[in-house]
Amino acid sequence: MKKLPPIYDEVGFERRFRVSGVVSDRFYRAALHEPYFQQRISATGQPRASTLAKVTAALRVLAYGNATDRSDEYVRLSESTVNETVHLFARCVVDKFMPVYLIEPSRVHVQRVTSANEDAGFPGFMGCVD
């Protein structure tokens, strides 16, 4: 099968999906290993949604806050499938990437952020979660 050229260049891709192509590819490759995202054959013998379609729908909902029923227009997934996909995609990203990219902030970092917030007129900002 001949590989088609990409539709968007890197800038266009990032503008459309709000994530770089490299990061999107990491998300896609992580999703490939999750049973839910693997393409299966339905009871009628037809292929179900592909991994790429599910990841694309999840990224569009998360990037733009699209209504989940809007995904039907471009990836042909039902609203309930997109809801489930977004939930499981977010869980997959957190499980796979949190240990790598989320670190405990140091005292110096917290102090720097607290000072910047106080200078901007938001005292006690770091302690406020509501």
C-alpha atoms as a PDB file:
ATOM      1  CA  MET A   1       0.000   0.000   0.000  1.00  0.00           C
ATOM      2  CA  LYS A   2       1.377   3.388  -1.004  1.00  0.00           C
ATOM      3  CA  LYS A   3       1.897   5.827   1.869  1.00  0.00           C
ATOM      4  CA  LEU A   4       0.080   9.095   1.263  1.00  0.00           C
ATOM      5  CA  PRO A   5       1.742  12.424   2.026  1.00  0.00           C
ATOM      6  CA  PRO A   6       0.498  14.252   5.131  1.00  0.00           C
ATOM      7  CA  ILE A   7      -2.457  16.579   4.671  1.00  0.00           C
ATOM      8  CA  TYR A   8      -1.066  19.223   7.039  1.00  0.00           C
ATOM      9  CA  ASP A   9       2.455  20.476   7.578  1.00  0.00           C
ATOM     10  CA  GLU A  10       3.680  20.657  11.188  1.00  0.00           C
ATOM     11  CA  VAL A  11       2.334  24.183  11.763  1.00  0.00           C
ATOM     12  CA  GLY A  12      -1.058  23.388  10.230  1.00  0.00           C
ATOM     13  CA  PHE A  13      -1.316  20.168  12.211  1.00  0.00           C
ATOM     14  CA  GLU A  14      -0.536  21.896  15.492  1.00  0.00           C
ATOM     15  CA  ARG A  15      -3.010  24.674  14.736  1.00  0.00           C
ATOM     16  CA  ARG A  16      -5.753  22.162  13.950  1.00  0.00           C
ATOM     17  CA  PHE A  17      -5.199  19.687  16.803  1.00  0.00           C
ATOM     18  CA  ARG A  18      -3.513  21.966  19.369  1.00  0.00           C
ATOM     19  CA  VAL A  19      -0.712  19.441  19.811  1.00  0.00           C
ATOM     20  CA  SER A  20       2.431  18.857  17.753  1.00  0.00           C
ATOM     21  CA  GLY A  21       2.653  15.966  15.338  1.00  0.00           C
ATOM     22  CA  VAL A  22       5.388  14.364  17.421  1.00  0.00           C
ATOM     23  CA  VAL A  23       3.276  14.426  20.587  1.00  0.00           C
ATOM     24  CA  SER A  24       0.216  13.245  18.667  1.00  0.00           C
ATOM     25  CA  ASP A  25       2.254  10.328  17.331  1.00  0.00           C
ATOM     26  CA  ARG A  26       3.300   9.440  20.903  1.00  0.00           C
ATOM     27  CA  PHE A  27      -0.344   9.461  21.971  1.00  0.00           C
ATOM     28  CA  TYR A  28      -1.292   7.305  18.980  1.00  0.00           C
ATOM     29  CA  ARG A  29       1.459   4.766  19.664  1.00  0.00           C
ATOM     30  CA  ALA A  30       0.496   4.585  23.354  1.00  0.00           C
ATOM     31  CA  ALA A  31      -3.163   4.032  22.411  1.00  0.00           C
ATOM     32  CA  LEU A  32      -2.212   1.206  20.020  1.00  0.00           C
ATOM     33  CA  HIS A  33      -1.306  -0.960  23.005  1.00  0.00           C
ATOM     34  CA  GLU A  34      -4.612  -0.436  24.805  1.00  0.00           C
ATOM     35  CA  PRO A  35      -7.263  -3.069  24.026  1.00  0.00           C
ATOM     36  CA  TYR A  36     -10.071  -0.510  23.648  1.00  0.00           C
ATOM     37  CA  PHE A  37      -8.209   1.399  20.931  1.00  0.00           C
ATOM     38  CA  GLN A  38      -7.286  -1.624  18.838  1.00  0.00           C
ATOM     39  CA  GLN A  39      -9.419  -1.983  15.733  1.00  0.00           C
ATOM     40  CA  ARG A  40     -11.745  -4.978  15.901  1.00  0.00           C
ATOM     41  CA  ILE A  41     -14.241  -6.629  13.600  1.00  0.00           C
ATOM     42  CA  SER A  42     -17.922  -6.206  14.512  1.00  0.00           C
ATOM     43  CA  ALA A  43     -20.487  -9.003  14.701  1.00  0.00           C
ATOM     44  CA  THR A  44     -21.504  -8.149  11.128  1.00  0.00           C
ATOM     45  CA  GLY A  45     -17.952  -8.702   9.887  1.00  0.00           C
ATOM     46  CA  GLN A  46     -17.263  -5.009   9.339  1.00  0.00           C
ATOM     47  CA  PRO A  47     -14.208  -3.255  10.793  1.00  0.00           C
ATOM     48  CA  ARG A  48     -14.965  -1.017  13.754  1.00  0.00           C
ATOM     49  CA  ALA A  49     -13.409   2.387  14.309  1.00  0.00           C
ATOM     50  CA  SER A  50      -9.656   2.525  13.876  1.00  0.00           C
ATOM     51  CA  THR A  51      -7.202   3.633  16.518  1.00  0.00           C
ATOM     52  CA  LEU A  52      -6.481   6.767  14.508  1.00  0.00           C
ATOM     53  CA  ALA A  53     -10.185   7.684  14.297  1.00  0.00           C
ATOM     54  CA  LYS A  54     -10.616   7.301  18.051  1.00  0.00           C
ATOM     55  CA  VAL A  55      -7.469   9.283  18.899  1.00  0.00           C
ATOM     56  CA  THR A  56      -8.469  12.003  16.419  1.00  0.00           C
ATOM     57  CA  ALA A  57     -11.943  12.291  17.940  1.00  0.00           C
ATOM     58  CA  ALA A  58     -10.518  12.458  21.470  1.00  0.00           C
ATOM     59  CA  LEU A  59      -7.964  15.124  20.527  1.00  0.00           C
ATOM     60  CA  ARG A  60     -10.600  17.258  18.815  1.00  0.00           C
ATOM     61  CA  VAL A  61     -12.948  17.086  21.805  1.00  0.00           C
ATOM     62  CA  LEU A  62     -10.150  17.847  24.261  1.00  0.00           C
ATOM     63  CA  ALA A  63      -8.484  20.554  22.144  1.00  0.00           C
ATOM     64  CA  TYR A  64     -11.589  22.495  21.170  1.00  0.00           C
ATOM     65  CA  GLY A  65     -14.212  21.385  23.650  1.00  0.00           C
ATOM     66  CA  ASN A  66     -16.270  20.089  20.722  1.00  0.00           C
ATOM     67  CA  ALA A  67     -19.568  18.457  21.497  1.00  0.00           C
ATOM     68  CA  THR A  68     -19.087  14.714  21.343  1.00  0.00           C
ATOM     69  CA  ASP A  69     -21.882  14.264  18.801  1.00  0.00           C
ATOM     70  CA  ARG A  70     -20.041  16.575  16.380  1.00  0.00           C
ATOM     71  CA  SER A  71     -17.382  13.900  15.839  1.00  0.00           C
ATOM     72  CA  ASP A  72     -19.863  11.982  13.707  1.00  0.00           C
ATOM     73  CA  GLU A  73     -19.204  14.482  10.918  1.00  0.00           C
ATOM     74  CA  TYR A  74     -15.541  13.618  10.478  1.00  0.00           C
ATOM     75  CA  VAL A  75     -14.761  10.258  12.115  1.00  0.00           C
ATOM     76  CA  ARG A  76     -18.164   8.542  12.029  1.00  0.00           C
ATOM     77  CA  LEU A  77     -18.317   7.703  15.730  1.00  0.00           C
ATOM     78  CA  SER A  78     -21.460   7.895  17.825  1.00  0.00           C
ATOM     79  CA  GLU A  79     -21.752  10.289  20.739  1.00  0.00           C
ATOM     80  CA  SER A  80     -21.554   7.474  23.298  1.00  0.00           C
ATOM     81  CA  THR A  81     -18.452   6.032  21.622  1.00  0.00           C
ATOM     82  CA  VAL A  82     -16.745   9.438  21.619  1.00  0.00           C
ATOM     83  CA  ASN A  83     -17.616   9.958  25.303  1.00  0.00           C
ATOM     84  CA  GLU A  84     -16.077   6.603  26.145  1.00  0.00           C
ATOM     85  CA  THR A  85     -13.108   7.261  23.873  1.00  0.00           C
ATOM     86  CA  VAL A  86     -12.321  10.639  25.453  1.00  0.00           C
ATOM     87  CA  HIS A  87     -12.508   9.150  28.948  1.00  0.00           C
ATOM     88  CA  LEU A  88     -10.282   6.167  28.098  1.00  0.00           C
ATOM     89  CA  PHE A  89      -7.885   8.305  26.041  1.00  0.00           C
ATOM     90  CA  ALA A  90      -7.387  10.718  28.936  1.00  0.00           C
ATOM     91  CA  ARG A  91      -6.848   7.791  31.319  1.00  0.00           C
ATOM     92  CA  CYS A  92      -4.334   6.246  28.874  1.00  0.00           C
ATOM     93  CA  VAL A  93      -2.379   9.511  28.562  1.00  0.00           C
ATOM     94  CA  VAL A  94      -2.295  10.023  32.327  1.00  0.00           C
ATOM     95  CA  ASP A  95      -1.256   6.419  33.013  1.00  0.00           C
ATOM     96  CA  LYS A  96       1.459   6.360  30.330  1.00  0.00           C
ATOM     97  CA  PHE A  97       2.903   9.867  30.596  1.00  0.00           C
ATOM     98  CA  MET A  98       2.345  11.085  34.167  1.00  0.00           C
ATOM     99  CA  PRO A  99       5.376   9.218  35.562  1.00  0.00           C
ATOM    100  CA  VAL A 100       7.565  10.750  32.852  1.00  0.00           C
ATOM    101  CA  TYR A 101       6.328  14.341  32.642  1.00  0.00           C
ATOM    102  CA  LEU A 102       4.664  15.200  35.955  1.00  0.00           C
ATOM    103  CA  ILE A 103       7.128  15.900  38.727  1.00  0.00           C
ATOM    104  CA  GLU A 104       6.751  17.195  42.247  1.00  0.00           C
ATOM    105  CA  PRO A 105       7.555  20.921  42.252  1.00  0.00           C
ATOM    106  CA  SER A 106      10.578  22.032  44.255  1.00  0.00           C
ATOM    107  CA  ARG A 107      10.355  24.680  46.994  1.00  0.00           C
ATOM    108  CA  VAL A 108      12.213  27.121  44.754  1.00  0.00           C
ATOM    109  CA  HIS A 109       9.726  26.606  41.921  1.00  0.00           C
ATOM    110  CA  VAL A 110       6.712  27.019  44.230  1.00  0.00           C
ATOM    111  CA  GLN A 111       8.217  30.194  45.709  1.00  0.00           C
ATOM    112  CA  ARG A 112       8.909  31.634  42.247  1.00  0.00           C
ATOM    113  CA  VAL A 113       5.320  30.943  41.096  1.00  0.00           C
ATOM    114  CA  THR A 114       3.855  32.279  44.365  1.00  0.00           C
ATOM    115  CA  SER A 115       5.886  35.486  44.068  1.00  0.00           C
ATOM    116  CA  ALA A 116       4.858  35.987  40.446  1.00  0.00           C
ATOM    117  CA  ASN A 117       1.205  35.475  41.371  1.00  0.00           C
ATOM    118  CA  GLU A 118       1.448  37.934  44.277  1.00  0.00           C
ATOM    119  CA  ASP A 119       3.076  40.502  41.973  1.00  0.00           C
ATOM    120  CA  ALA A 120       0.161  40.027  39.562  1.00  0.00           C
ATOM    121  CA  GLY A 121      -2.375  40.618  42.341  1.00  0.00           C
ATOM    122  CA  PHE A 122      -3.251  37.006  43.186  1.00  0.00           C
ATOM    123  CA  PRO A 123      -1.914  36.367  46.693  1.00  0.00           C
ATOM    124  CA  GLY A 124      -2.308  32.807  47.982  1.00  0.00           C
ATOM    125  CA  PHE A 125      -2.962  31.526  44.469  1.00  0.00           C
ATOM    126  CA  MET A 126      -1.013  28.272  44.929  1.00  0.00           C
ATOM    127  CA  GLY A 127      -3.177  27.242  47.881  1.00  0.00           C
ATOM    128  CA  CYS A 128      -6.454  27.854  46.092  1.00  0.00           C
ATOM    129  CA  VAL A 129      -7.889  24.937  44.131  1.00  0.00           C
ATOM    130  CA  ASP A 130     -11.437  26.197  43.698  1.00  0.00           C
END
